[in-house]
N, C-alpha and C. Protein backbone atom coordinates (compact mmCIF):
# COMPACT_ATOMS: atom_id res chain seq x y z
N MET A 1 113.61 102.74 76.82
CA MET A 1 113.97 104.06 76.35
C MET A 1 112.86 105.04 76.74
N PRO A 2 113.15 106.07 77.47
CA PRO A 2 112.12 107.03 77.89
C PRO A 2 111.62 107.88 76.73
N VAL A 3 110.45 108.45 76.90
CA VAL A 3 109.88 109.37 75.92
C VAL A 3 110.32 110.77 76.33
N LEU A 4 111.20 111.35 75.53
CA LEU A 4 111.78 112.65 75.84
C LEU A 4 111.32 113.68 74.82
N VAL A 5 111.08 114.90 75.29
CA VAL A 5 110.77 116.01 74.40
C VAL A 5 111.82 117.09 74.65
N SER A 6 112.44 117.53 73.58
CA SER A 6 113.51 118.52 73.66
C SER A 6 112.93 119.92 73.84
N LEU A 7 113.42 120.63 74.85
CA LEU A 7 112.97 122.00 75.08
C LEU A 7 113.43 122.92 73.96
N ALA A 8 114.62 122.65 73.39
CA ALA A 8 115.11 123.47 72.28
C ALA A 8 114.20 123.32 71.06
N ALA A 9 113.75 122.09 70.78
CA ALA A 9 112.86 121.87 69.65
C ALA A 9 111.50 122.53 69.89
N LEU A 10 111.06 122.57 71.14
CA LEU A 10 109.78 123.21 71.46
C LEU A 10 109.81 124.71 71.25
N GLN A 11 111.01 125.32 71.32
CA GLN A 11 111.12 126.76 71.09
C GLN A 11 110.81 127.11 69.64
N HIS A 12 110.91 126.13 68.73
CA HIS A 12 110.64 126.36 67.30
C HIS A 12 109.20 126.01 66.92
N GLY A 13 108.43 125.44 67.87
CA GLY A 13 107.04 125.11 67.57
C GLY A 13 106.64 123.77 68.14
N THR A 14 105.54 123.26 67.63
CA THR A 14 104.99 122.00 68.10
C THR A 14 105.87 120.83 67.68
N VAL A 15 106.00 119.86 68.59
CA VAL A 15 106.80 118.66 68.33
C VAL A 15 105.86 117.45 68.41
N ARG A 16 105.97 116.57 67.41
CA ARG A 16 105.17 115.34 67.41
C ARG A 16 106.05 114.18 67.86
N LEU A 17 105.53 113.40 68.79
CA LEU A 17 106.22 112.22 69.31
C LEU A 17 105.33 111.01 69.09
N PHE A 18 105.87 109.97 68.48
CA PHE A 18 105.09 108.75 68.28
C PHE A 18 106.04 107.57 68.29
N GLY A 19 105.50 106.43 68.67
CA GLY A 19 106.31 105.22 68.71
C GLY A 19 105.69 104.20 69.63
N GLU A 20 106.53 103.25 70.06
CA GLU A 20 106.09 102.18 70.95
C GLU A 20 107.09 102.01 72.09
N LEU A 21 106.57 101.62 73.23
CA LEU A 21 107.38 101.27 74.39
C LEU A 21 106.96 99.90 74.86
N SER A 22 107.90 99.14 75.36
CA SER A 22 107.53 97.87 75.99
C SER A 22 106.97 98.20 77.37
N PRO A 23 106.19 97.30 77.96
CA PRO A 23 105.70 97.55 79.32
C PRO A 23 106.84 97.77 80.31
N GLU A 24 107.97 97.10 80.09
CA GLU A 24 109.13 97.28 80.98
C GLU A 24 109.73 98.67 80.83
N GLU A 25 109.80 99.17 79.59
CA GLU A 25 110.34 100.51 79.36
C GLU A 25 109.46 101.59 79.99
N LEU A 26 108.16 101.36 79.95
CA LEU A 26 107.24 102.32 80.56
C LEU A 26 107.21 102.16 82.08
N GLY A 27 107.68 101.02 82.57
CA GLY A 27 107.63 100.77 84.01
C GLY A 27 106.24 100.38 84.45
N LEU A 28 105.50 99.74 83.57
CA LEU A 28 104.12 99.34 83.84
C LEU A 28 104.13 98.03 84.59
N GLU A 29 104.34 98.12 85.89
CA GLU A 29 104.39 96.94 86.75
C GLU A 29 103.01 96.73 87.36
N ILE A 30 102.33 95.68 86.91
CA ILE A 30 100.98 95.40 87.37
C ILE A 30 101.05 94.24 88.35
N VAL A 31 100.54 94.45 89.56
CA VAL A 31 100.57 93.41 90.59
C VAL A 31 99.25 92.65 90.68
N ASP A 32 98.26 93.04 89.93
CA ASP A 32 96.97 92.36 89.94
C ASP A 32 97.09 91.04 89.18
N PRO A 33 96.74 89.91 89.80
CA PRO A 33 96.87 88.62 89.10
C PRO A 33 95.89 88.47 87.94
N CYS A 34 94.89 89.34 87.85
CA CYS A 34 93.91 89.26 86.76
C CYS A 34 94.28 90.14 85.57
N LEU A 35 95.40 90.85 85.64
CA LEU A 35 95.82 91.75 84.56
C LEU A 35 97.28 91.50 84.21
N ALA A 36 97.59 91.64 82.93
CA ALA A 36 98.98 91.55 82.48
C ALA A 36 99.15 92.43 81.25
N ALA A 37 100.23 93.19 81.23
CA ALA A 37 100.58 94.01 80.07
C ALA A 37 101.79 93.35 79.41
N ARG A 38 101.55 92.72 78.26
CA ARG A 38 102.62 92.01 77.55
C ARG A 38 102.89 92.60 76.18
N ARG A 39 101.99 93.43 75.69
CA ARG A 39 102.12 93.99 74.34
C ARG A 39 102.70 95.40 74.41
N PRO A 40 103.26 95.87 73.30
CA PRO A 40 103.82 97.24 73.29
C PRO A 40 102.74 98.29 73.55
N ILE A 41 103.19 99.38 74.16
CA ILE A 41 102.32 100.53 74.40
C ILE A 41 102.61 101.53 73.28
N ARG A 42 101.60 101.85 72.49
CA ARG A 42 101.77 102.79 71.40
C ARG A 42 101.37 104.19 71.86
N TYR A 43 102.11 105.19 71.39
CA TYR A 43 101.77 106.56 71.73
C TYR A 43 101.90 107.44 70.50
N ASP A 44 101.05 108.44 70.44
CA ASP A 44 101.07 109.45 69.38
C ASP A 44 100.73 110.77 70.07
N LEU A 45 101.74 111.61 70.28
CA LEU A 45 101.60 112.81 71.11
C LEU A 45 102.08 114.04 70.37
N THR A 46 101.57 115.19 70.74
CA THR A 46 102.10 116.47 70.30
C THR A 46 102.42 117.28 71.55
N ALA A 47 103.54 117.99 71.50
CA ALA A 47 103.97 118.80 72.63
C ALA A 47 104.22 120.23 72.15
N GLN A 48 103.91 121.17 73.03
CA GLN A 48 104.17 122.57 72.72
C GLN A 48 104.43 123.33 74.02
N MET A 49 105.15 124.43 73.89
CA MET A 49 105.42 125.28 75.05
C MET A 49 104.23 126.21 75.26
N MET A 50 103.86 126.36 76.51
CA MET A 50 102.81 127.30 76.90
C MET A 50 103.37 128.09 78.08
N GLY A 51 104.06 129.18 77.78
CA GLY A 51 104.74 129.94 78.82
C GLY A 51 105.91 129.15 79.37
N ASP A 52 105.88 128.86 80.67
CA ASP A 52 106.94 128.08 81.32
C ASP A 52 106.53 126.62 81.51
N GLU A 53 105.59 126.14 80.72
CA GLU A 53 105.10 124.78 80.87
C GLU A 53 105.07 124.09 79.51
N VAL A 54 105.23 122.78 79.55
CA VAL A 54 105.13 121.97 78.35
C VAL A 54 103.74 121.31 78.38
N PHE A 55 102.96 121.57 77.34
CA PHE A 55 101.64 120.96 77.22
C PHE A 55 101.74 119.82 76.22
N VAL A 56 101.34 118.62 76.67
CA VAL A 56 101.40 117.43 75.82
C VAL A 56 100.00 116.85 75.73
N GLU A 57 99.60 116.48 74.53
CA GLU A 57 98.31 115.84 74.34
C GLU A 57 98.43 114.80 73.23
N GLY A 58 97.52 113.83 73.28
CA GLY A 58 97.53 112.80 72.27
C GLY A 58 96.86 111.54 72.75
N GLU A 59 97.43 110.40 72.33
CA GLU A 59 96.81 109.11 72.59
C GLU A 59 97.87 108.11 73.04
N ILE A 60 97.49 107.29 74.02
CA ILE A 60 98.31 106.18 74.50
C ILE A 60 97.41 104.95 74.49
N GLU A 61 97.90 103.83 73.91
CA GLU A 61 97.04 102.65 73.86
C GLU A 61 97.84 101.36 73.83
N THR A 62 97.21 100.32 74.33
CA THR A 62 97.73 98.96 74.29
C THR A 62 96.57 98.00 74.49
N VAL A 63 96.89 96.71 74.48
CA VAL A 63 95.89 95.68 74.76
C VAL A 63 96.37 94.89 75.96
N LEU A 64 95.51 94.74 76.94
CA LEU A 64 95.84 94.00 78.16
C LEU A 64 95.34 92.56 78.07
N ASP A 65 96.10 91.65 78.65
CA ASP A 65 95.65 90.27 78.82
C ASP A 65 95.01 90.19 80.19
N CYS A 66 93.74 89.82 80.24
CA CYS A 66 92.98 89.84 81.48
C CYS A 66 92.39 88.47 81.79
N GLN A 67 91.98 88.32 83.02
CA GLN A 67 91.23 87.16 83.47
C GLN A 67 89.98 87.71 84.15
N CYS A 68 88.82 87.24 83.70
CA CYS A 68 87.55 87.74 84.22
C CYS A 68 87.44 87.41 85.71
N VAL A 69 87.07 88.39 86.52
CA VAL A 69 86.93 88.16 87.95
C VAL A 69 85.66 87.39 88.29
N ARG A 70 84.75 87.25 87.33
CA ARG A 70 83.51 86.51 87.58
C ARG A 70 83.61 85.05 87.15
N CYS A 71 84.06 84.82 85.90
CA CYS A 71 84.07 83.45 85.38
C CYS A 71 85.48 82.87 85.25
N LEU A 72 86.50 83.68 85.48
CA LEU A 72 87.91 83.27 85.43
C LEU A 72 88.41 82.93 84.03
N GLU A 73 87.66 83.28 83.00
CA GLU A 73 88.08 83.03 81.62
C GLU A 73 89.03 84.14 81.16
N PRO A 74 90.05 83.79 80.35
CA PRO A 74 90.94 84.82 79.83
C PRO A 74 90.26 85.62 78.71
N PHE A 75 90.62 86.90 78.61
CA PHE A 75 90.12 87.75 77.53
C PHE A 75 91.08 88.92 77.36
N GLU A 76 90.95 89.63 76.25
CA GLU A 76 91.77 90.81 75.97
C GLU A 76 90.92 92.06 76.17
N SER A 77 91.55 93.10 76.68
CA SER A 77 90.85 94.35 76.91
C SER A 77 91.72 95.51 76.44
N PRO A 78 91.18 96.39 75.60
CA PRO A 78 91.98 97.55 75.17
C PRO A 78 92.14 98.55 76.31
N LEU A 79 93.30 99.13 76.38
CA LEU A 79 93.56 100.24 77.30
C LEU A 79 93.88 101.43 76.42
N ARG A 80 92.99 102.39 76.40
CA ARG A 80 93.16 103.54 75.51
C ARG A 80 92.96 104.83 76.29
N LEU A 81 93.98 105.64 76.29
CA LEU A 81 93.90 106.96 76.91
C LEU A 81 93.79 107.97 75.77
N PHE A 82 92.58 108.38 75.47
CA PHE A 82 92.34 109.34 74.41
C PHE A 82 91.10 110.14 74.75
N PRO A 83 91.17 111.40 74.86
CA PRO A 83 92.37 112.20 74.74
C PRO A 83 93.20 112.15 76.03
N TRP A 84 94.50 112.13 75.88
CA TRP A 84 95.40 112.17 77.02
C TRP A 84 96.12 113.50 76.97
N ALA A 85 96.28 114.13 78.12
CA ALA A 85 96.96 115.42 78.18
C ALA A 85 97.68 115.57 79.51
N CYS A 86 98.79 116.29 79.48
CA CYS A 86 99.47 116.65 80.73
C CYS A 86 100.16 118.00 80.53
N LEU A 87 100.33 118.68 81.63
CA LEU A 87 100.95 119.99 81.64
C LEU A 87 102.11 119.92 82.62
N LEU A 88 103.32 120.09 82.10
CA LEU A 88 104.53 119.95 82.92
C LEU A 88 105.26 121.28 83.05
N PRO A 89 105.32 121.82 84.25
CA PRO A 89 106.11 123.04 84.42
C PRO A 89 107.60 122.72 84.28
N VAL A 90 108.34 123.64 83.68
CA VAL A 90 109.79 123.44 83.52
C VAL A 90 110.58 124.38 84.41
N GLN A 91 109.89 125.24 85.13
CA GLN A 91 110.54 126.13 86.09
C GLN A 91 109.71 126.18 87.35
N GLY A 92 110.35 126.52 88.44
CA GLY A 92 109.64 126.66 89.69
C GLY A 92 109.73 125.43 90.57
N GLU A 93 108.99 125.47 91.66
CA GLU A 93 109.04 124.42 92.68
C GLU A 93 108.56 123.07 92.18
N ASP A 94 107.53 123.04 91.31
CA ASP A 94 106.95 121.79 90.81
C ASP A 94 107.50 121.40 89.44
N ALA A 95 108.64 121.93 89.07
CA ALA A 95 109.19 121.70 87.73
C ALA A 95 109.54 120.23 87.50
N ALA A 96 109.24 119.78 86.30
CA ALA A 96 109.63 118.43 85.89
C ALA A 96 111.15 118.40 85.72
N PRO A 97 111.78 117.28 86.03
CA PRO A 97 113.23 117.20 85.85
C PRO A 97 113.62 117.37 84.38
N VAL A 98 114.64 118.19 84.15
CA VAL A 98 115.15 118.42 82.80
C VAL A 98 116.53 117.79 82.73
N GLU A 99 116.70 116.86 81.79
CA GLU A 99 117.98 116.18 81.60
C GLU A 99 118.43 116.40 80.16
N ASP A 100 119.60 116.93 79.98
CA ASP A 100 120.15 117.19 78.64
C ASP A 100 119.17 117.99 77.79
N ASP A 101 118.58 119.02 78.36
CA ASP A 101 117.65 119.91 77.68
C ASP A 101 116.38 119.19 77.21
N SER A 102 116.00 118.10 77.88
CA SER A 102 114.80 117.35 77.52
C SER A 102 113.99 117.04 78.77
N VAL A 103 112.67 116.97 78.59
CA VAL A 103 111.76 116.61 79.66
C VAL A 103 111.29 115.17 79.38
N ASN A 104 111.34 114.35 80.42
CA ASN A 104 110.93 112.95 80.30
C ASN A 104 109.42 112.85 80.56
N LEU A 105 108.68 112.36 79.57
CA LEU A 105 107.23 112.22 79.68
C LEU A 105 106.82 110.86 80.25
N THR A 106 107.77 109.94 80.34
CA THR A 106 107.47 108.56 80.74
C THR A 106 106.78 108.47 82.11
N PRO A 107 107.21 109.19 83.15
CA PRO A 107 106.52 109.06 84.45
C PRO A 107 105.03 109.43 84.39
N GLN A 108 104.68 110.47 83.64
CA GLN A 108 103.28 110.87 83.54
C GLN A 108 102.49 109.84 82.73
N MET A 109 103.10 109.31 81.68
CA MET A 109 102.43 108.28 80.87
C MET A 109 102.19 107.03 81.71
N ARG A 110 103.18 106.63 82.51
CA ARG A 110 103.04 105.45 83.36
C ARG A 110 101.94 105.65 84.40
N GLU A 111 101.97 106.78 85.08
CA GLU A 111 100.99 107.05 86.14
C GLU A 111 99.56 107.03 85.60
N ASP A 112 99.34 107.70 84.48
CA ASP A 112 97.98 107.75 83.93
C ASP A 112 97.56 106.39 83.38
N SER A 113 98.50 105.61 82.86
CA SER A 113 98.17 104.26 82.38
C SER A 113 97.78 103.37 83.54
N LEU A 114 98.50 103.46 84.64
CA LEU A 114 98.17 102.66 85.82
C LEU A 114 96.81 103.04 86.39
N LEU A 115 96.50 104.33 86.39
CA LEU A 115 95.20 104.78 86.90
C LEU A 115 94.05 104.35 86.00
N ALA A 116 94.33 104.09 84.73
CA ALA A 116 93.28 103.69 83.79
C ALA A 116 93.04 102.19 83.75
N LEU A 117 93.85 101.41 84.47
CA LEU A 117 93.65 99.95 84.47
C LEU A 117 92.30 99.60 85.08
N PRO A 118 91.64 98.59 84.54
CA PRO A 118 90.36 98.18 85.14
C PRO A 118 90.59 97.59 86.53
N GLN A 119 89.75 97.98 87.49
CA GLN A 119 89.90 97.47 88.85
C GLN A 119 89.36 96.06 88.98
N HIS A 120 88.29 95.75 88.26
CA HIS A 120 87.67 94.43 88.29
C HIS A 120 87.38 94.02 86.85
N PRO A 121 88.36 93.45 86.15
CA PRO A 121 88.14 93.12 84.74
C PRO A 121 87.06 92.05 84.57
N VAL A 122 86.10 92.37 83.70
CA VAL A 122 84.99 91.46 83.41
C VAL A 122 84.97 91.24 81.89
N CYS A 123 84.85 89.98 81.48
CA CYS A 123 84.91 89.64 80.06
C CYS A 123 83.78 90.29 79.26
N ARG A 124 82.61 90.40 79.83
CA ARG A 124 81.48 91.08 79.20
C ARG A 124 80.53 91.52 80.32
N PRO A 125 79.79 92.59 80.12
CA PRO A 125 78.94 93.11 81.19
C PRO A 125 77.91 92.11 81.73
N ASP A 126 77.44 91.20 80.89
CA ASP A 126 76.41 90.26 81.34
C ASP A 126 77.00 88.93 81.80
N CYS A 127 78.28 88.87 82.09
CA CYS A 127 78.91 87.63 82.56
C CYS A 127 78.26 87.21 83.88
N ARG A 128 77.82 85.97 83.93
CA ARG A 128 77.12 85.49 85.11
C ARG A 128 78.05 84.81 86.10
N GLY A 129 79.29 84.65 85.73
CA GLY A 129 80.25 84.06 86.65
C GLY A 129 80.30 82.55 86.54
N LEU A 130 80.92 81.94 87.52
CA LEU A 130 81.04 80.49 87.56
C LEU A 130 79.69 79.86 87.85
N PRO A 131 79.44 78.65 87.34
CA PRO A 131 78.20 77.99 87.70
C PRO A 131 78.20 77.71 89.20
N LEU A 132 77.01 77.73 89.80
CA LEU A 132 76.92 77.52 91.24
C LEU A 132 77.37 76.12 91.64
N MET A 133 76.94 75.12 90.91
CA MET A 133 77.33 73.74 91.21
C MET A 133 77.71 73.05 89.92
N PRO A 134 78.76 72.27 89.92
CA PRO A 134 79.09 71.51 88.73
C PRO A 134 77.97 70.51 88.44
N PRO A 135 77.73 70.20 87.16
CA PRO A 135 76.67 69.26 86.82
C PRO A 135 76.95 67.89 87.44
N GLY A 136 75.88 67.24 87.91
CA GLY A 136 76.02 65.91 88.48
C GLY A 136 76.17 65.88 89.99
N LEU A 137 76.49 67.03 90.60
CA LEU A 137 76.59 67.07 92.06
C LEU A 137 75.25 67.48 92.65
N PRO A 138 74.91 66.98 93.82
CA PRO A 138 73.64 67.38 94.42
C PRO A 138 73.66 68.85 94.82
N SER A 139 72.54 69.51 94.67
CA SER A 139 72.47 70.92 95.03
C SER A 139 72.39 71.07 96.54
N SER A 140 72.56 72.28 97.02
CA SER A 140 72.52 72.53 98.47
C SER A 140 71.14 72.24 99.04
N SER A 141 70.08 72.44 98.23
CA SER A 141 68.74 72.15 98.73
C SER A 141 68.56 70.64 98.92
N ASP A 142 69.17 69.82 98.05
CA ASP A 142 69.11 68.36 98.23
C ASP A 142 69.87 67.95 99.48
N GLN A 143 71.00 68.57 99.73
CA GLN A 143 71.80 68.23 100.91
C GLN A 143 71.06 68.61 102.19
N GLY A 144 70.29 69.68 102.15
CA GLY A 144 69.55 70.11 103.33
C GLY A 144 68.47 69.11 103.72
N ARG A 145 67.90 68.45 102.72
CA ARG A 145 66.86 67.46 103.01
C ARG A 145 67.46 66.17 103.56
N LYS A 146 68.68 65.83 103.16
CA LYS A 146 69.27 64.56 103.58
C LYS A 146 69.84 64.62 104.99
N GLY A 147 70.33 65.75 105.41
CA GLY A 147 70.93 65.85 106.74
C GLY A 147 70.81 67.26 107.27
N SER A 148 71.08 67.44 108.51
CA SER A 148 70.96 68.77 109.08
C SER A 148 72.28 69.51 108.98
N SER A 149 72.18 70.81 108.95
CA SER A 149 73.37 71.63 108.93
C SER A 149 73.47 72.36 110.26
N ALA A 150 74.53 73.07 110.43
CA ALA A 150 74.71 73.84 111.67
C ALA A 150 73.64 74.92 111.79
N TRP A 151 73.06 75.33 110.69
CA TRP A 151 72.07 76.39 110.70
C TRP A 151 70.64 75.86 110.92
N SER A 152 70.44 74.59 110.83
CA SER A 152 69.07 74.05 110.94
C SER A 152 68.47 74.28 112.33
N VAL A 153 69.30 74.46 113.35
CA VAL A 153 68.77 74.73 114.67
C VAL A 153 68.01 76.06 114.72
N LEU A 154 68.31 76.97 113.81
CA LEU A 154 67.60 78.25 113.76
C LEU A 154 66.14 78.05 113.36
N ASP A 155 65.85 76.99 112.62
CA ASP A 155 64.46 76.71 112.23
C ASP A 155 63.59 76.40 113.43
N THR A 156 64.17 75.97 114.52
CA THR A 156 63.39 75.58 115.71
C THR A 156 63.13 76.74 116.67
N LEU A 157 63.72 77.89 116.41
CA LEU A 157 63.52 79.03 117.29
C LEU A 157 62.09 79.56 117.20
N ASN A 158 61.51 79.88 118.34
CA ASN A 158 60.19 80.48 118.40
C ASN A 158 60.38 81.92 118.83
N LEU A 159 60.26 82.84 117.89
CA LEU A 159 60.54 84.25 118.16
C LEU A 159 59.27 85.05 118.43
N GLU A 160 58.15 84.41 118.74
CA GLU A 160 56.90 85.15 118.98
C GLU A 160 56.73 85.48 120.42
């Protein structure tokens, strides 16, 4: 169900819009394998007319299911757009589509939500990532002593 604001109601003053949308209703299609939106998106908005434009402000929030790009552990991350605002013209070349005397806010909410997604989700700022070697396996320095690698020939170069 889209988030609609009635232009007729805006003529009488400020309109408050609040509720929840599923990620599917918002069209929040995330292609990043480290991010998933499975919980409802909550919104609490106020809209008012400003000349020939609808000004909307408020808050949009949800919780994302993430996978840390460093250690690959799952974690939750809040997605909160506050303060969120948009200005939609209702007349002219750039006018927002008006259907049944209402303006659909869903496309702007979706676009700003997608732009606010973390590009590289990290479980905590000091995450050190995966361990370099699993315990019990020889380290790379031990392997270098036991046999030569393709790079060991560089040790024999005389660059003087």
